Amino acid sequence: MRIVISGVVASILGIAIVVAQNTPPKPGPEHKRLERGVGQWNYQGEAKASPLGPAGKITASDTCELFQGGFAVVCRAKGTGPKGPMTGLNVTSYDEGRKAYTYYAITSQGDNIFVRGTIKGNVW
């Protein structure tokens, strides 16, 4: 009887361990802070001439949503600028290993941007 009870207890503990290991991770407060960027954003401005391109007006809109799981915000952009029409995609997330936020963007004009940084107070 002791062997049967020991076997049942061991099985229950084994199942509990497997269930605990299969619990999906949850976003932390750093990830929750990213939710501020979710929404529809419209902007306009003036680009200055630089090695990245000519000067001129910029108008664009971003549609940003929380990525499944809540660990990142994904934005799709569409607009026009000094180099003509453009579409873009960017992802903002938090790198727990480096304790820093990451931003990666690509555009239909061949731009690739990667930034890593932190937040102090309300300053990114």
N, C-alpha and C. Protein backbone atom coordinates (compact mmCIF):
# COMPACT_ATOMS: atom_id res chain seq x y z
N MET A 1 0.81 -1.19 0.00
CA MET A 1 0.00 0.00 0.00
C MET A 1 0.86 1.26 0.00
N ARG A 2 1.95 1.22 0.76
CA ARG A 2 2.84 2.38 0.79
C ARG A 2 3.43 2.65 -0.59
N ILE A 3 3.72 1.61 -1.33
CA ILE A 3 4.28 1.78 -2.67
C ILE A 3 3.25 2.46 -3.58
N VAL A 4 2.00 2.07 -3.48
CA VAL A 4 0.94 2.66 -4.30
C VAL A 4 0.77 4.15 -3.95
N ILE A 5 0.72 4.46 -2.67
CA ILE A 5 0.56 5.85 -2.23
C ILE A 5 1.77 6.66 -2.66
N SER A 6 2.98 6.12 -2.52
CA SER A 6 4.19 6.83 -2.94
C SER A 6 4.15 7.09 -4.44
N GLY A 7 3.67 6.12 -5.22
CA GLY A 7 3.56 6.28 -6.66
C GLY A 7 2.58 7.37 -7.04
N VAL A 8 1.44 7.43 -6.35
CA VAL A 8 0.43 8.45 -6.61
C VAL A 8 0.98 9.83 -6.26
N VAL A 9 1.62 9.96 -5.13
CA VAL A 9 2.20 11.25 -4.71
C VAL A 9 3.27 11.69 -5.71
N ALA A 10 4.12 10.76 -6.14
CA ALA A 10 5.16 11.10 -7.10
C ALA A 10 4.54 11.54 -8.43
N SER A 11 3.48 10.89 -8.85
CA SER A 11 2.80 11.28 -10.10
C SER A 11 2.21 12.67 -9.99
N ILE A 12 1.57 12.96 -8.87
CA ILE A 12 0.97 14.29 -8.67
C ILE A 12 2.05 15.36 -8.66
N LEU A 13 3.15 15.12 -7.97
CA LEU A 13 4.25 16.08 -7.96
C LEU A 13 4.84 16.27 -9.36
N GLY A 14 4.98 15.18 -10.09
CA GLY A 14 5.51 15.26 -11.46
C GLY A 14 4.60 16.09 -12.35
N ILE A 15 3.29 15.88 -12.25
CA ILE A 15 2.33 16.66 -13.04
C ILE A 15 2.40 18.13 -12.64
N ALA A 16 2.49 18.41 -11.36
CA ALA A 16 2.56 19.80 -10.88
C ALA A 16 3.81 20.50 -11.44
N ILE A 17 4.91 19.79 -11.51
CA ILE A 17 6.15 20.38 -12.04
C ILE A 17 6.00 20.67 -13.53
N VAL A 18 5.42 19.75 -14.28
CA VAL A 18 5.23 19.95 -15.72
C VAL A 18 4.29 21.12 -15.97
N VAL A 19 3.20 21.20 -15.20
CA VAL A 19 2.25 22.31 -15.36
C VAL A 19 2.94 23.63 -15.04
N ALA A 20 3.74 23.68 -13.99
CA ALA A 20 4.44 24.91 -13.61
C ALA A 20 5.42 25.33 -14.70
N GLN A 21 6.08 24.39 -15.35
CA GLN A 21 7.04 24.71 -16.40
C GLN A 21 6.34 25.18 -17.67
N ASN A 22 5.09 24.81 -17.90
CA ASN A 22 4.37 25.18 -19.11
C ASN A 22 3.58 26.47 -18.94
N THR A 23 3.68 27.12 -17.80
CA THR A 23 3.01 28.39 -17.60
C THR A 23 3.72 29.45 -18.44
N PRO A 24 2.98 30.11 -19.33
CA PRO A 24 3.64 31.11 -20.17
C PRO A 24 4.14 32.30 -19.35
N PRO A 25 5.25 32.90 -19.77
CA PRO A 25 5.76 34.07 -19.05
C PRO A 25 4.78 35.24 -19.16
N LYS A 26 4.82 36.10 -18.19
CA LYS A 26 3.93 37.28 -18.19
C LYS A 26 4.78 38.54 -18.33
N PRO A 27 4.26 39.52 -19.08
CA PRO A 27 5.00 40.79 -19.21
C PRO A 27 5.17 41.48 -17.86
N GLY A 28 6.33 42.07 -17.67
CA GLY A 28 6.62 42.80 -16.44
C GLY A 28 6.24 44.27 -16.59
N PRO A 29 6.52 45.08 -15.58
CA PRO A 29 6.18 46.50 -15.64
C PRO A 29 6.89 47.24 -16.78
N GLU A 30 8.10 46.79 -17.13
CA GLU A 30 8.81 47.42 -18.24
C GLU A 30 8.07 47.21 -19.56
N HIS A 31 7.49 46.03 -19.72
CA HIS A 31 6.72 45.73 -20.93
C HIS A 31 5.39 46.51 -20.92
N LYS A 32 4.77 46.60 -19.77
CA LYS A 32 3.50 47.33 -19.66
C LYS A 32 3.68 48.80 -20.05
N ARG A 33 4.86 49.33 -19.78
CA ARG A 33 5.14 50.73 -20.11
C ARG A 33 5.07 50.98 -21.62
N LEU A 34 5.33 49.94 -22.40
CA LEU A 34 5.28 50.05 -23.86
C LEU A 34 3.87 50.32 -24.38
N GLU A 35 2.86 49.97 -23.60
CA GLU A 35 1.47 50.12 -24.04
C GLU A 35 1.10 51.57 -24.32
N ARG A 36 1.89 52.51 -23.83
CA ARG A 36 1.65 53.92 -24.11
C ARG A 36 1.73 54.22 -25.61
N GLY A 37 2.47 53.41 -26.33
CA GLY A 37 2.64 53.63 -27.76
C GLY A 37 1.55 53.03 -28.64
N VAL A 38 0.62 52.29 -28.04
CA VAL A 38 -0.45 51.65 -28.81
C VAL A 38 -1.46 52.70 -29.27
N GLY A 39 -1.84 52.64 -30.56
CA GLY A 39 -2.86 53.55 -31.08
C GLY A 39 -2.54 54.00 -32.49
N GLN A 40 -3.29 54.99 -32.93
CA GLN A 40 -3.10 55.59 -34.25
C GLN A 40 -2.40 56.93 -34.06
N TRP A 41 -1.28 57.13 -34.73
CA TRP A 41 -0.48 58.34 -34.57
C TRP A 41 -0.28 59.00 -35.92
N ASN A 42 -0.54 60.30 -36.00
CA ASN A 42 -0.31 61.07 -37.21
C ASN A 42 0.70 62.16 -36.89
N TYR A 43 1.61 62.39 -37.79
CA TYR A 43 2.60 63.42 -37.54
C TYR A 43 3.07 64.06 -38.84
N GLN A 44 3.60 65.25 -38.67
CA GLN A 44 4.20 65.97 -39.79
C GLN A 44 5.37 66.76 -39.27
N GLY A 45 6.30 67.03 -40.16
CA GLY A 45 7.49 67.75 -39.73
C GLY A 45 8.35 68.13 -40.91
N GLU A 46 9.52 68.58 -40.58
CA GLU A 46 10.47 69.06 -41.57
C GLU A 46 11.78 68.31 -41.37
N ALA A 47 12.24 67.61 -42.40
CA ALA A 47 13.54 66.93 -42.34
C ALA A 47 14.63 67.90 -42.75
N LYS A 48 15.71 67.87 -42.05
CA LYS A 48 16.89 68.67 -42.40
C LYS A 48 17.79 67.83 -43.31
N ALA A 49 18.49 68.48 -44.21
CA ALA A 49 19.42 67.76 -45.09
C ALA A 49 20.51 67.11 -44.24
N SER A 50 20.83 65.87 -44.55
CA SER A 50 21.85 65.13 -43.81
C SER A 50 22.38 64.01 -44.70
N PRO A 51 23.39 63.28 -44.22
CA PRO A 51 23.86 62.13 -45.00
C PRO A 51 22.77 61.08 -45.23
N LEU A 52 21.71 61.13 -44.41
CA LEU A 52 20.61 60.17 -44.56
C LEU A 52 19.62 60.56 -45.65
N GLY A 53 19.65 61.83 -46.12
CA GLY A 53 18.73 62.23 -47.17
C GLY A 53 18.57 63.73 -47.26
N PRO A 54 17.78 64.17 -48.26
CA PRO A 54 17.58 65.60 -48.49
C PRO A 54 16.60 66.22 -47.50
N ALA A 55 16.55 67.55 -47.51
CA ALA A 55 15.60 68.28 -46.67
C ALA A 55 14.22 68.25 -47.32
N GLY A 56 13.18 68.42 -46.51
CA GLY A 56 11.83 68.49 -47.04
C GLY A 56 10.78 68.14 -46.00
N LYS A 57 9.52 68.27 -46.40
CA LYS A 57 8.41 68.00 -45.49
C LYS A 57 8.18 66.50 -45.34
N ILE A 58 7.70 66.13 -44.14
CA ILE A 58 7.36 64.74 -43.84
C ILE A 58 5.94 64.72 -43.30
N THR A 59 5.12 63.82 -43.82
CA THR A 59 3.80 63.55 -43.23
C THR A 59 3.66 62.04 -43.19
N ALA A 60 3.15 61.53 -42.09
CA ALA A 60 3.02 60.08 -41.96
C ALA A 60 2.00 59.72 -40.88
N SER A 61 1.62 58.45 -40.88
CA SER A 61 0.78 57.93 -39.82
C SER A 61 1.29 56.55 -39.43
N ASP A 62 1.17 56.24 -38.16
CA ASP A 62 1.56 54.93 -37.61
C ASP A 62 0.33 54.30 -37.00
N THR A 63 0.18 53.01 -37.20
CA THR A 63 -0.82 52.22 -36.51
C THR A 63 -0.06 51.22 -35.66
N CYS A 64 -0.18 51.34 -34.34
CA CYS A 64 0.61 50.54 -33.41
C CYS A 64 -0.29 49.66 -32.55
N GLU A 65 0.13 48.41 -32.39
CA GLU A 65 -0.64 47.47 -31.56
C GLU A 65 0.30 46.64 -30.71
N LEU A 66 -0.26 46.14 -29.63
CA LEU A 66 0.48 45.26 -28.74
C LEU A 66 0.64 43.91 -29.43
N PHE A 67 1.86 43.42 -29.50
CA PHE A 67 2.13 42.13 -30.12
C PHE A 67 1.61 41.03 -29.19
N GLN A 68 1.18 39.92 -29.78
CA GLN A 68 0.64 38.81 -28.99
C GLN A 68 1.60 38.43 -27.86
N GLY A 69 1.09 38.30 -26.68
CA GLY A 69 1.90 37.99 -25.50
C GLY A 69 2.18 39.21 -24.65
N GLY A 70 2.12 40.42 -25.27
CA GLY A 70 2.29 41.64 -24.51
C GLY A 70 3.72 42.07 -24.26
N PHE A 71 4.70 41.49 -24.98
CA PHE A 71 6.09 41.82 -24.74
C PHE A 71 6.65 42.88 -25.69
N ALA A 72 5.86 43.30 -26.69
CA ALA A 72 6.35 44.25 -27.68
C ALA A 72 5.19 45.02 -28.29
N VAL A 73 5.53 46.17 -28.88
CA VAL A 73 4.57 46.95 -29.66
C VAL A 73 5.08 46.97 -31.10
N VAL A 74 4.18 46.66 -32.03
CA VAL A 74 4.52 46.63 -33.45
C VAL A 74 3.75 47.74 -34.15
N CYS A 75 4.46 48.54 -34.96
CA CYS A 75 3.84 49.66 -35.67
C CYS A 75 4.08 49.52 -37.17
N ARG A 76 3.05 49.88 -37.92
CA ARG A 76 3.15 49.97 -39.38
C ARG A 76 2.97 51.44 -39.74
N ALA A 77 3.89 51.95 -40.56
CA ALA A 77 3.88 53.37 -40.93
C ALA A 77 3.63 53.52 -42.42
N LYS A 78 3.04 54.67 -42.76
CA LYS A 78 2.82 55.01 -44.16
C LYS A 78 2.89 56.53 -44.27
N GLY A 79 3.63 57.01 -45.26
CA GLY A 79 3.74 58.45 -45.39
C GLY A 79 4.54 58.87 -46.60
N THR A 80 4.85 60.16 -46.63
CA THR A 80 5.69 60.72 -47.70
C THR A 80 6.74 61.62 -47.05
N GLY A 81 7.87 61.72 -47.72
CA GLY A 81 8.95 62.56 -47.25
C GLY A 81 9.77 63.05 -48.41
N PRO A 82 10.92 63.65 -48.15
CA PRO A 82 11.76 64.21 -49.20
C PRO A 82 12.17 63.17 -50.26
N LYS A 83 12.24 61.89 -49.89
CA LYS A 83 12.61 60.85 -50.83
C LYS A 83 11.40 60.19 -51.48
N GLY A 84 10.18 60.69 -51.19
CA GLY A 84 8.97 60.14 -51.81
C GLY A 84 8.15 59.30 -50.85
N PRO A 85 7.19 58.52 -51.40
CA PRO A 85 6.33 57.68 -50.56
C PRO A 85 7.14 56.62 -49.82
N MET A 86 6.64 56.24 -48.64
CA MET A 86 7.37 55.29 -47.80
C MET A 86 6.38 54.49 -46.96
N THR A 87 6.70 53.23 -46.74
CA THR A 87 6.02 52.42 -45.73
C THR A 87 7.10 51.92 -44.78
N GLY A 88 6.71 51.59 -43.58
CA GLY A 88 7.69 51.12 -42.61
C GLY A 88 7.08 50.19 -41.59
N LEU A 89 7.94 49.50 -40.89
CA LEU A 89 7.56 48.59 -39.83
C LEU A 89 8.56 48.78 -38.70
N ASN A 90 8.07 48.90 -37.46
CA ASN A 90 9.00 48.99 -36.34
C ASN A 90 8.48 48.20 -35.15
N VAL A 91 9.41 47.74 -34.34
CA VAL A 91 9.12 46.94 -33.16
C VAL A 91 9.86 47.55 -31.98
N THR A 92 9.13 47.79 -30.89
CA THR A 92 9.73 48.28 -29.65
C THR A 92 9.48 47.22 -28.58
N SER A 93 10.53 46.88 -27.83
CA SER A 93 10.40 45.85 -26.80
C SER A 93 11.36 46.15 -25.66
N TYR A 94 11.37 45.27 -24.68
CA TYR A 94 12.28 45.41 -23.54
C TYR A 94 13.15 44.17 -23.46
N ASP A 95 14.46 44.37 -23.40
CA ASP A 95 15.43 43.29 -23.30
C ASP A 95 15.78 43.12 -21.83
N GLU A 96 15.21 42.08 -21.22
CA GLU A 96 15.42 41.86 -19.78
C GLU A 96 16.88 41.57 -19.46
N GLY A 97 17.58 40.88 -20.35
CA GLY A 97 18.98 40.54 -20.11
C GLY A 97 19.87 41.77 -20.02
N ARG A 98 19.60 42.78 -20.85
CA ARG A 98 20.41 44.00 -20.87
C ARG A 98 19.77 45.14 -20.08
N LYS A 99 18.57 44.90 -19.57
CA LYS A 99 17.84 45.93 -18.83
C LYS A 99 17.71 47.21 -19.66
N ALA A 100 17.32 47.03 -20.92
CA ALA A 100 17.21 48.17 -21.84
C ALA A 100 16.07 47.94 -22.82
N TYR A 101 15.53 49.04 -23.32
CA TYR A 101 14.51 48.98 -24.36
C TYR A 101 15.20 48.90 -25.71
N THR A 102 14.55 48.23 -26.67
CA THR A 102 15.07 48.15 -28.01
C THR A 102 14.03 48.64 -29.01
N TYR A 103 14.51 49.24 -30.07
CA TYR A 103 13.66 49.74 -31.16
C TYR A 103 14.34 49.36 -32.46
N TYR A 104 13.59 48.66 -33.32
CA TYR A 104 14.12 48.29 -34.63
C TYR A 104 13.11 48.70 -35.68
N ALA A 105 13.57 49.39 -36.72
CA ALA A 105 12.68 49.85 -37.79
C ALA A 105 13.30 49.57 -39.15
N ILE A 106 12.42 49.26 -40.12
CA ILE A 106 12.82 49.14 -41.52
C ILE A 106 11.81 49.93 -42.34
N THR A 107 12.26 50.42 -43.50
CA THR A 107 11.34 51.15 -44.38
C THR A 107 11.46 50.62 -45.81
N SER A 108 10.48 50.99 -46.62
CA SER A 108 10.47 50.59 -48.02
C SER A 108 11.55 51.33 -48.81
N GLN A 109 12.22 52.28 -48.20
CA GLN A 109 13.30 53.01 -48.87
C GLN A 109 14.67 52.45 -48.50
N GLY A 110 14.68 51.32 -47.79
CA GLY A 110 15.94 50.67 -47.45
C GLY A 110 16.56 51.07 -46.13
N ASP A 111 15.88 51.91 -45.36
CA ASP A 111 16.42 52.32 -44.06
C ASP A 111 16.31 51.17 -43.06
N ASN A 112 17.33 51.04 -42.22
CA ASN A 112 17.35 50.10 -41.11
C ASN A 112 17.85 50.86 -39.90
N ILE A 113 17.05 50.87 -38.84
CA ILE A 113 17.42 51.64 -37.65
C ILE A 113 17.32 50.71 -36.44
N PHE A 114 18.36 50.70 -35.61
CA PHE A 114 18.33 49.95 -34.36
C PHE A 114 18.81 50.87 -33.24
N VAL A 115 18.03 50.93 -32.18
CA VAL A 115 18.38 51.76 -31.02
C VAL A 115 18.17 50.94 -29.76
N ARG A 116 19.09 51.08 -28.82
CA ARG A 116 18.93 50.46 -27.49
C ARG A 116 19.10 51.57 -26.47
N GLY A 117 18.19 51.63 -25.49
CA GLY A 117 18.30 52.69 -24.50
C GLY A 117 17.50 52.39 -23.25
N THR A 118 17.52 53.34 -22.35
CA THR A 118 16.84 53.18 -21.07
C THR A 118 15.89 54.36 -20.86
N ILE A 119 15.14 54.29 -19.78
CA ILE A 119 14.23 55.36 -19.40
C ILE A 119 14.64 55.87 -18.03
N LYS A 120 14.74 57.19 -17.90
CA LYS A 120 14.99 57.82 -16.60
C LYS A 120 13.86 58.80 -16.37
N GLY A 121 13.01 58.50 -15.40
CA GLY A 121 11.82 59.31 -15.19
C GLY A 121 10.89 59.16 -16.36
N ASN A 122 10.61 60.28 -17.05
CA ASN A 122 9.78 60.25 -18.25
C ASN A 122 10.59 60.46 -19.51
N VAL A 123 11.91 60.38 -19.42
CA VAL A 123 12.77 60.62 -20.57
C VAL A 123 13.27 59.28 -21.12
N TRP A 124 12.98 59.03 -22.39
CA TRP A 124 13.43 57.80 -23.06
C TRP A 124 14.81 58.04 -23.61
